[in-house]
Amino acid sequence: MKKVKYFYNTNTLRYERLETPLRVKLLRVFGFVASALVTAALIAYLAFRFIGSPKEKILELQNREIREDFILLAEQVQRMERQMKELEQRDNEVYRAIFEATPIPDSARAQELATQLEIDKVEKLGSRELVTSITQSVNNLLTRIRSQRSSYQEVAQLIKDKEKLLAHTPAIQPVSNKNLNRIASGFGYRIDPIYKTTKLHAGLDFTAPQGTPIYATANGRVETAGNTGDGYGRHVIINHGYGYKTLYAHMVRVKARVGQTVKRGEVIGWVGSTGKSTGPHCHYEVIKNGRPIDPIYFFYNDLSPAQFDRILKQAAASNQSLD
């Protein structure tokens, strides 16, 4: 039942029925609706500002998971960069140093060196900045990996070249000398056996019975084989490349032929006493860039340090040469 309101009218001194004008009713309704809307908006603002919607909660959780993944990825990139730096350092200070190659500067390894990511800084970065930072680090690593791969290919080629150089460098004695008693005369100024004057003896004299095999001391190509009338008798000259040549003189018979390719340890002739010689022996010379050098320092392949010291003393003795 609808309540009826009355009010006391002081003019008529009677209670009269209270009638609310339509305009007042509309204003009251409008005020209520406006207050409700403002209150709802305020509640919604506070809820979304400090509490967040379910969708925002899900997005925030996903964003946190992505950020944690970024941090783990950044840590992995840092470990990779440390490993890459160790490889680059080893490449410059060990591998390339062994082969006397010029170290590769960092600027050649990577055109853009990205700044190292710190974990505490990563947590403050936005998603877009995180992606950009990780991408730069990965691109930097890829560039350095490509450069390192190229460097290792170059080192591999250096190894092949060094192996070839070592194979073409004189490294053994030209005749079997297990007892280390066959060096009769060394490199240097010695007494000529025929003219009895002091002159440069440009090689080593190895005494051996006639017919003892003479071996090539390194890989190379035969340049001279036979008697050319220069006092060496039947002799062989091998061009090893890299500026090296070796000479084997006074052979009784020559096996090698001009233009033949020979390997280290291959028989090229036999000991004799042809030419300007006073007895069967092998006169052996090592020539570098057109100048004779002491062959005693080219026996590192078949001698121990103690054996080398022994023949070094024998070769240093001042005596008469055999040619």
Protein backbone atom coordinates (compact mmCIF):
# COMPACT_ATOMS: atom_id res chain seq x y z
CA MET A 1 0.00 0.00 0.00
CA LYS A 2 1.38 3.32 -1.10
CA LYS A 3 2.23 5.63 1.75
CA VAL A 4 0.59 9.03 1.70
CA LYS A 5 2.51 11.91 3.18
CA TYR A 6 0.96 14.99 4.73
CA PHE A 7 2.32 18.31 5.88
CA TYR A 8 0.94 21.07 8.11
CA ASN A 9 0.06 24.18 6.18
CA THR A 10 0.53 27.22 8.43
CA ASN A 11 -1.51 29.35 6.12
CA THR A 12 -4.63 27.25 6.24
CA LEU A 13 -3.83 25.73 9.63
CA ARG A 14 -4.65 22.32 8.31
CA TYR A 15 -2.85 19.11 7.36
CA GLU A 16 -2.72 18.80 3.66
CA ARG A 17 -1.64 16.01 1.38
CA LEU A 18 1.99 16.36 0.14
CA GLU A 19 2.17 16.39 -3.64
CA THR A 20 5.69 16.14 -5.21
CA PRO A 21 6.01 17.97 -8.53
CA LEU A 22 7.11 15.96 -11.56
CA ARG A 23 10.12 18.20 -12.02
CA VAL A 24 11.40 17.34 -8.54
CA LYS A 25 10.79 13.66 -9.14
CA LEU A 26 12.81 13.80 -12.36
CA LEU A 27 15.63 15.68 -10.66
CA ARG A 28 15.73 13.10 -7.89
CA VAL A 29 15.84 10.24 -10.37
CA PHE A 30 18.52 11.96 -12.40
CA GLY A 31 20.60 12.64 -9.27
CA PHE A 32 20.30 9.04 -8.17
CA VAL A 33 21.32 7.71 -11.57
CA ALA A 34 24.20 10.17 -11.81
CA SER A 35 25.44 9.25 -8.36
CA ALA A 36 25.18 5.57 -9.19
CA LEU A 37 27.12 6.04 -12.40
CA VAL A 38 29.83 8.09 -10.71
CA THR A 39 30.10 5.58 -7.90
CA ALA A 40 30.29 2.69 -10.38
CA ALA A 41 32.95 4.48 -12.42
CA LEU A 42 34.97 5.22 -9.31
CA ILE A 43 34.72 1.61 -8.14
CA ALA A 44 35.70 0.34 -11.61
CA TYR A 45 38.65 2.72 -11.77
CA LEU A 46 39.91 1.65 -8.38
CA ALA A 47 39.37 -2.01 -9.24
CA PHE A 48 41.23 -1.82 -12.56
CA ARG A 49 43.92 0.46 -11.16
CA PHE A 50 44.87 -1.52 -8.11
CA ILE A 51 43.28 -4.93 -8.56
CA GLY A 52 43.24 -5.57 -12.30
CA SER A 53 40.89 -7.51 -14.50
CA PRO A 54 41.16 -11.30 -14.97
CA LYS A 55 42.45 -10.72 -18.50
CA GLU A 56 45.08 -8.34 -17.19
CA LYS A 57 46.04 -10.91 -14.58
CA ILE A 58 46.56 -13.53 -17.29
CA LEU A 59 48.56 -11.11 -19.45
CA GLU A 60 50.67 -10.07 -16.48
CA LEU A 61 51.41 -13.72 -15.66
CA GLN A 62 52.34 -14.43 -19.26
CA ASN A 63 54.52 -11.33 -19.36
CA ARG A 64 56.31 -12.43 -16.17
CA GLU A 65 56.95 -15.87 -17.65
CA ILE A 66 58.29 -14.31 -20.86
CA ARG A 67 60.53 -12.00 -18.85
CA GLU A 68 61.91 -14.97 -16.90
CA ASP A 69 62.57 -16.77 -20.19
CA PHE A 70 64.38 -13.67 -21.46
CA ILE A 71 66.54 -13.62 -18.34
CA LEU A 72 67.48 -17.30 -18.79
CA LEU A 73 68.20 -16.64 -22.46
CA ALA A 74 70.36 -13.66 -21.55
CA GLU A 75 72.34 -15.84 -19.14
CA GLN A 76 72.87 -18.45 -21.87
CA VAL A 77 74.00 -15.75 -24.29
CA GLN A 78 76.46 -14.46 -21.69
CA ARG A 79 77.90 -17.96 -21.22
CA MET A 80 78.19 -18.36 -24.99
CA GLU A 81 79.94 -14.99 -25.24
CA ARG A 82 82.42 -16.01 -22.51
CA GLN A 83 83.12 -19.30 -24.32
CA MET A 84 83.45 -17.44 -27.61
CA LYS A 85 85.91 -15.03 -26.03
CA GLU A 86 87.99 -17.95 -24.72
CA LEU A 87 88.04 -19.49 -28.21
CA GLU A 88 89.10 -16.18 -29.75
CA GLN A 89 91.82 -15.72 -27.13
CA ARG A 90 93.09 -19.28 -27.65
CA ASP A 91 93.01 -18.74 -31.41
CA ASN A 92 95.10 -15.56 -31.17
CA GLU A 93 97.49 -16.55 -28.37
CA VAL A 94 97.97 -20.27 -29.12
CA TYR A 95 96.96 -21.50 -32.56
CA ARG A 96 97.95 -18.46 -34.62
CA ALA A 97 101.03 -17.87 -32.45
CA ILE A 98 102.30 -21.39 -33.20
CA PHE A 99 102.18 -20.70 -36.93
CA GLU A 100 103.42 -17.11 -36.57
CA ALA A 101 100.20 -15.74 -38.02
CA THR A 102 98.93 -12.24 -37.32
CA PRO A 103 96.23 -12.25 -34.57
CA ILE A 104 92.75 -11.23 -35.69
CA PRO A 105 91.64 -7.94 -34.07
CA ASP A 106 88.29 -7.81 -32.30
CA SER A 107 87.02 -5.25 -34.83
CA ALA A 108 87.43 -7.84 -37.57
CA ARG A 109 85.70 -10.53 -35.55
CA ALA A 110 82.56 -8.45 -34.99
CA GLN A 111 81.60 -5.15 -36.55
CA GLU A 112 79.16 -4.36 -33.74
CA LEU A 113 80.08 -5.54 -30.26
CA ALA A 114 76.91 -5.58 -28.17
CA THR A 115 77.04 -4.48 -24.52
CA GLN A 116 76.96 -7.35 -22.04
CA LEU A 117 73.52 -7.80 -20.49
CA GLU A 118 73.40 -7.62 -16.71
CA ILE A 119 70.66 -9.66 -15.06
CA ASP A 120 69.59 -6.85 -12.75
CA LYS A 121 69.29 -4.51 -15.73
CA VAL A 122 67.33 -7.06 -17.74
CA GLU A 123 64.57 -7.03 -15.14
CA LYS A 124 64.07 -3.30 -15.72
CA LEU A 125 63.84 -3.53 -19.50
CA GLY A 126 60.59 -3.61 -21.47
CA SER A 127 59.70 -6.54 -23.70
CA ARG A 128 60.66 -4.69 -26.88
CA GLU A 129 63.99 -3.61 -25.38
CA LEU A 130 64.64 -7.16 -24.18
CA VAL A 131 64.01 -8.55 -27.65
CA THR A 132 66.26 -5.91 -29.20
CA SER A 133 69.08 -6.57 -26.71
CA ILE A 134 68.93 -10.36 -27.10
CA THR A 135 68.76 -10.04 -30.88
CA GLN A 136 71.84 -7.79 -30.92
CA SER A 137 73.74 -10.23 -28.71
CA VAL A 138 72.77 -13.21 -30.87
CA ASN A 139 73.69 -11.35 -34.07
CA ASN A 140 77.02 -10.41 -32.50
CA LEU A 141 77.68 -14.04 -31.60
CA LEU A 142 76.75 -15.21 -35.11
CA THR A 143 79.17 -12.68 -36.60
CA ARG A 144 81.96 -13.78 -34.27
CA ILE A 145 81.23 -17.46 -34.96
CA ARG A 146 81.47 -16.86 -38.71
CA SER A 147 84.75 -15.00 -38.21
CA GLN A 148 86.08 -17.75 -35.91
CA ARG A 149 85.12 -20.44 -38.42
CA SER A 150 87.02 -18.54 -41.11
CA SER A 151 89.99 -18.21 -38.76
CA TYR A 152 90.03 -21.94 -38.02
CA GLN A 153 89.94 -22.64 -41.76
CA GLU A 154 92.93 -20.35 -42.13
CA VAL A 155 94.70 -22.12 -39.24
CA ALA A 156 93.95 -25.48 -40.90
CA GLN A 157 95.57 -24.18 -44.08
CA LEU A 158 98.52 -22.93 -42.02
CA ILE A 159 98.86 -26.43 -40.56
CA LYS A 160 98.94 -27.91 -44.05
CA ASP A 161 101.47 -25.31 -45.17
CA LYS A 162 103.58 -25.89 -42.04
CA GLU A 163 103.46 -29.66 -42.59
CA LYS A 164 104.58 -29.09 -46.16
CA LEU A 165 107.35 -26.74 -45.00
CA LEU A 166 108.55 -29.27 -42.40
CA ALA A 167 108.49 -32.06 -44.98
CA HIS A 168 110.63 -29.92 -47.31
CA THR A 169 113.10 -28.83 -44.63
CA PRO A 170 116.27 -30.97 -44.20
CA ALA A 171 115.86 -32.90 -40.96
CA ILE A 172 117.89 -36.15 -41.00
CA GLN A 173 121.48 -37.25 -41.63
CA PRO A 174 122.25 -38.25 -45.23
CA VAL A 175 123.84 -41.57 -44.23
CA SER A 176 123.07 -44.03 -41.47
CA ASN A 177 125.02 -42.93 -38.41
CA LYS A 178 123.60 -44.87 -35.48
CA ASN A 179 126.95 -45.00 -33.68
CA LEU A 180 127.52 -41.27 -34.22
CA ASN A 181 131.11 -41.82 -35.34
CA ARG A 182 130.96 -40.97 -39.03
CA ILE A 183 131.36 -37.17 -38.95
CA ALA A 184 134.98 -36.62 -39.98
CA SER A 185 134.90 -32.89 -40.63
CA GLY A 186 132.46 -30.14 -39.81
CA PHE A 187 131.30 -26.84 -41.27
CA GLY A 188 133.73 -23.93 -41.13
CA TYR A 189 137.34 -23.17 -41.97
CA ARG A 190 139.32 -26.41 -42.30
CA ILE A 191 142.64 -27.52 -43.81
CA ASP A 192 142.29 -28.53 -47.45
CA PRO A 193 143.61 -32.13 -47.81
CA ILE A 194 145.24 -31.44 -51.17
CA TYR A 195 146.40 -27.82 -51.05
CA LYS A 196 147.06 -27.82 -47.28
CA THR A 197 145.59 -24.35 -46.94
CA THR A 198 142.82 -23.16 -44.70
CA LYS A 199 139.57 -22.59 -46.55
CA LEU A 200 135.86 -22.68 -45.89
CA HIS A 201 134.48 -26.18 -45.75
CA ALA A 202 130.84 -25.55 -46.64
CA GLY A 203 129.38 -28.82 -45.36
CA LEU A 204 129.87 -31.97 -43.30
CA ASP A 205 131.93 -35.02 -44.27
CA PHE A 206 130.41 -38.38 -43.33
CA THR A 207 132.87 -41.26 -43.60
CA ALA A 208 131.35 -44.56 -44.73
CA PRO A 209 132.35 -47.62 -46.76
CA GLN A 210 131.96 -47.29 -50.49
CA GLY A 211 128.46 -48.32 -51.52
CA THR A 212 126.75 -47.08 -48.33
CA PRO A 213 123.31 -45.67 -49.24
CA ILE A 214 122.84 -41.92 -49.22
CA TYR A 215 119.37 -40.62 -48.35
CA ALA A 216 117.48 -37.46 -49.29
CA THR A 217 117.12 -35.45 -46.10
CA ALA A 218 113.81 -33.80 -47.13
CA ASN A 219 111.18 -33.83 -49.85
CA GLY A 220 112.11 -32.03 -53.04
CA ARG A 221 112.93 -32.17 -56.74
CA VAL A 222 116.32 -33.26 -58.10
CA GLU A 223 118.06 -30.30 -59.72
CA THR A 224 121.47 -31.83 -60.49
CA ALA A 225 122.49 -35.49 -60.79
CA GLY A 226 125.93 -36.49 -62.10
CA ASN A 227 129.45 -35.11 -62.50
CA THR A 228 129.65 -31.47 -63.56
CA GLY A 229 133.45 -31.14 -63.22
CA ASP A 230 133.40 -28.83 -60.19
CA GLY A 231 135.26 -31.09 -57.76
CA TYR A 232 132.17 -32.69 -56.27
CA GLY A 233 132.48 -35.73 -58.53
CA ARG A 234 129.19 -37.55 -58.97
CA HIS A 235 126.79 -35.58 -56.87
CA VAL A 236 123.12 -34.71 -56.42
CA ILE A 237 121.53 -31.35 -55.67
CA ILE A 238 117.92 -31.35 -54.46
CA ASN A 239 115.76 -28.23 -54.51
CA HIS A 240 113.36 -28.47 -51.58
CA GLY A 241 111.61 -25.15 -52.09
CA TYR A 242 111.20 -22.49 -49.39
CA GLY A 243 114.78 -21.39 -50.21
CA TYR A 244 116.35 -24.75 -49.23
CA LYS A 245 118.72 -26.89 -51.30
CA THR A 246 120.93 -29.83 -50.27
CA LEU A 247 124.06 -31.21 -51.95
CA TYR A 248 125.40 -34.79 -51.69
CA ALA A 249 128.86 -35.19 -53.23
CA HIS A 250 131.53 -37.80 -54.22
CA MET A 251 129.07 -40.63 -54.96
CA VAL A 252 130.29 -43.84 -56.54
CA ARG A 253 126.95 -44.09 -58.33
CA VAL A 254 123.94 -41.81 -58.61
CA LYS A 255 120.44 -43.22 -58.48
CA ALA A 256 118.37 -40.01 -58.65
CA ARG A 257 117.58 -38.35 -61.97
CA VAL A 258 117.17 -34.68 -62.85
CA GLY A 259 113.55 -33.59 -62.44
CA GLN A 260 112.69 -36.54 -60.19
CA THR A 261 110.59 -35.88 -57.10
CA VAL A 262 112.07 -37.53 -54.02
CA LYS A 263 110.85 -38.05 -50.47
CA ARG A 264 112.78 -37.76 -47.22
CA GLY A 265 114.63 -41.03 -46.55
CA GLU A 266 114.66 -42.10 -50.20
CA VAL A 267 117.96 -43.47 -51.53
CA ILE A 268 119.45 -41.09 -54.11
CA GLY A 269 122.92 -42.66 -54.52
CA TRP A 270 125.82 -44.47 -52.83
CA VAL A 271 128.95 -43.32 -51.03
CA GLY A 272 132.12 -43.12 -53.13
CA SER A 273 135.28 -41.07 -53.58
CA THR A 274 134.80 -39.37 -56.94
CA GLY A 275 135.96 -35.85 -57.70
CA LYS A 276 138.24 -33.96 -55.31
CA SER A 277 138.21 -36.52 -52.50
CA THR A 278 140.84 -38.32 -50.43
CA GLY A 279 138.64 -41.25 -49.38
CA PRO A 280 135.11 -42.68 -49.45
CA HIS A 281 132.74 -40.26 -47.79
CA CYS A 282 129.59 -38.20 -48.34
CA HIS A 283 130.11 -34.46 -48.45
CA TYR A 284 126.77 -32.93 -47.40
CA GLU A 285 125.73 -29.29 -47.68
CA VAL A 286 122.60 -27.35 -46.76
CA ILE A 287 122.05 -24.18 -48.76
CA LYS A 288 119.49 -21.52 -47.77
CA ASN A 289 118.72 -18.72 -50.22
CA GLY A 290 121.96 -19.38 -52.13
CA ARG A 291 124.24 -19.41 -49.06
CA PRO A 292 125.68 -22.53 -47.37
CA ILE A 293 124.73 -22.94 -43.72
CA ASP A 294 125.88 -25.42 -41.10
CA PRO A 295 124.00 -28.72 -41.69
CA ILE A 296 124.59 -29.76 -38.08
CA TYR A 297 121.46 -27.86 -37.05
CA PHE A 298 119.22 -29.88 -39.38
CA PHE A 299 119.34 -33.29 -37.71
CA TYR A 300 116.50 -32.82 -35.24
CA ASN A 301 114.38 -35.68 -36.62
CA ASP A 302 116.72 -38.60 -35.88
CA LEU A 303 118.77 -37.45 -32.86
CA SER A 304 118.10 -37.07 -29.17
CA PRO A 305 119.44 -33.95 -27.39
CA ALA A 306 122.36 -35.97 -25.98
CA GLN A 307 123.23 -37.40 -29.40
CA PHE A 308 123.01 -33.99 -31.00
CA ASP A 309 125.37 -32.55 -28.38
CA ARG A 310 127.83 -35.35 -29.13
CA ILE A 311 127.95 -34.84 -32.92
CA LEU A 312 128.00 -31.06 -32.39
CA LYS A 313 131.31 -31.47 -30.55
CA GLN A 314 132.63 -33.78 -33.28
CA ALA A 315 131.74 -31.32 -36.04
CA ALA A 316 133.32 -28.42 -34.15
CA ALA A 317 136.76 -30.07 -34.04
CA SER A 318 139.41 -28.27 -36.09
CA ASN A 319 140.84 -30.87 -38.44
CA GLN A 320 141.47 -31.63 -42.07
CA SER A 321 138.53 -32.13 -44.39
CA LEU A 322 138.25 -35.06 -46.81
CA ASP A 323 137.64 -32.89 -49.89
